[in-house]
Protein backbone atom coordinates (compact mmCIF):
# COMPACT_ATOMS: atom_id res chain seq x y z
CA MET A 1 -6.98 -2.07 -0.33
CA ALA A 2 -8.76 -0.99 2.82
CA ASP A 3 -7.69 2.64 2.62
CA GLN A 4 -7.95 3.90 -0.94
CA LYS A 5 -7.77 7.69 -1.08
CA LYS A 6 -8.23 9.51 -4.37
CA LYS A 7 -5.88 12.40 -5.02
CA TRP A 8 -6.35 15.00 -7.71
CA SER A 9 -3.09 16.50 -8.93
CA ASP A 10 -2.35 19.91 -10.40
CA SER A 11 -2.92 18.50 -13.88
CA VAL A 12 -6.46 17.37 -13.02
CA ILE A 13 -7.46 20.77 -11.71
CA ARG A 14 -5.26 22.86 -13.98
CA ASN A 15 -8.26 24.98 -14.95
CA ALA A 16 -9.03 25.82 -11.34
CA ARG A 17 -9.20 29.37 -10.14
CA SER A 18 -9.59 30.65 -6.62
CA VAL A 19 -13.02 32.01 -5.73
CA SER A 20 -14.05 34.07 -2.75
CA GLY A 21 -17.83 33.62 -2.68
CA GLY A 22 -19.82 30.63 -1.49
CA ILE A 23 -17.85 30.09 1.70
CA TYR A 24 -20.70 31.14 4.02
CA GLU A 25 -22.33 27.70 4.07
CA ALA A 26 -19.07 26.05 5.09
CA MET A 27 -18.53 28.65 7.82
CA THR A 28 -21.95 28.04 9.32
CA ALA A 29 -21.16 24.32 9.42
CA LYS A 30 -18.02 25.23 11.43
CA MET A 31 -15.63 23.75 8.89
CA GLN A 32 -12.13 25.15 8.52
CA ILE A 33 -11.73 26.10 4.87
CA ASP A 34 -8.18 26.83 3.75
CA ARG A 35 -8.80 27.02 0.01
CA LEU A 36 -11.82 27.43 -2.26
CA ILE A 37 -11.48 26.89 -6.00
CA ARG A 38 -13.80 26.81 -9.02
CA VAL A 39 -13.18 24.05 -11.57
CA PRO A 40 -14.93 22.67 -14.64
CA PHE A 41 -17.64 20.21 -13.57
CA ARG A 42 -16.60 16.58 -13.04
CA GLU A 43 -18.82 13.90 -11.55
CA ASP A 44 -15.86 11.95 -10.16
CA ILE A 45 -14.65 14.62 -7.70
CA THR A 46 -16.47 14.27 -4.37
CA THR A 47 -16.08 15.03 -0.68
CA GLY A 48 -13.46 12.94 1.08
CA HIS A 49 -11.12 12.98 -1.91
CA TYR A 50 -7.80 14.78 -1.85
CA ALA A 51 -6.29 17.42 -4.15
CA VAL A 52 -2.65 18.39 -4.60
CA ILE A 53 -2.13 22.01 -5.63
CA ALA A 54 1.38 23.47 -5.91
CA GLY A 55 2.76 20.62 -3.80
CA GLN A 56 0.25 21.14 -0.96
CA THR A 57 -2.29 18.40 -0.16
CA TYR A 58 -5.88 19.37 0.64
CA LYS A 59 -8.87 17.28 1.74
CA ILE A 60 -12.05 18.08 -0.19
CA LEU A 61 -14.76 18.99 2.34
CA GLN A 62 -17.52 20.31 0.11
CA VAL A 63 -18.40 20.29 -3.59
CA GLN A 64 -21.07 22.65 -4.93
CA THR A 65 -22.34 22.67 -8.51
CA ILE A 66 -22.70 26.18 -9.94
CA ALA A 67 -26.00 26.11 -11.80
CA ASP A 68 -25.85 29.52 -13.49
CA CYS A 69 -22.37 29.15 -14.96
CA ARG A 70 -21.41 28.10 -18.49
CA PRO A 71 -19.55 25.87 -18.98
CA LYS A 72 -20.93 23.93 -16.02
CA SER A 73 -18.60 24.41 -13.03
CA MET A 74 -18.29 23.56 -9.36
CA ASP A 75 -16.77 25.16 -6.28
CA ILE A 76 -14.58 22.96 -4.12
CA SER A 77 -13.94 23.85 -0.46
CA MET A 78 -10.77 22.28 0.93
CA GLN A 79 -8.84 21.93 4.16
CA LYS A 80 -5.05 21.90 4.15
CA ILE A 81 -3.49 18.63 5.31
CA ARG A 82 -0.79 19.53 7.76
CA GLN A 83 2.19 17.21 7.77
CA ARG A 84 3.88 16.27 10.99
CA GLY A 85 7.08 18.13 11.73
CA ARG A 86 6.11 21.19 9.69
């Protein structure tokens, strides 16, 4: 397939929690961030993937590993995918 997009469902990120810090870097890069979550670390979640949370699809724009957190975690900055006609 030419256009394979990975989506992460609610079950994949069920341990996610919203976080408010760490958004400064994304703001200085002039990215629109609609949601920022902290999840347990996973090597297979990267930028360009998609996440579905509570029925809403988001594009993952930035993934940051949190070095001083146990268990190892990462912050994921996402942009809401707006559907046509909504």
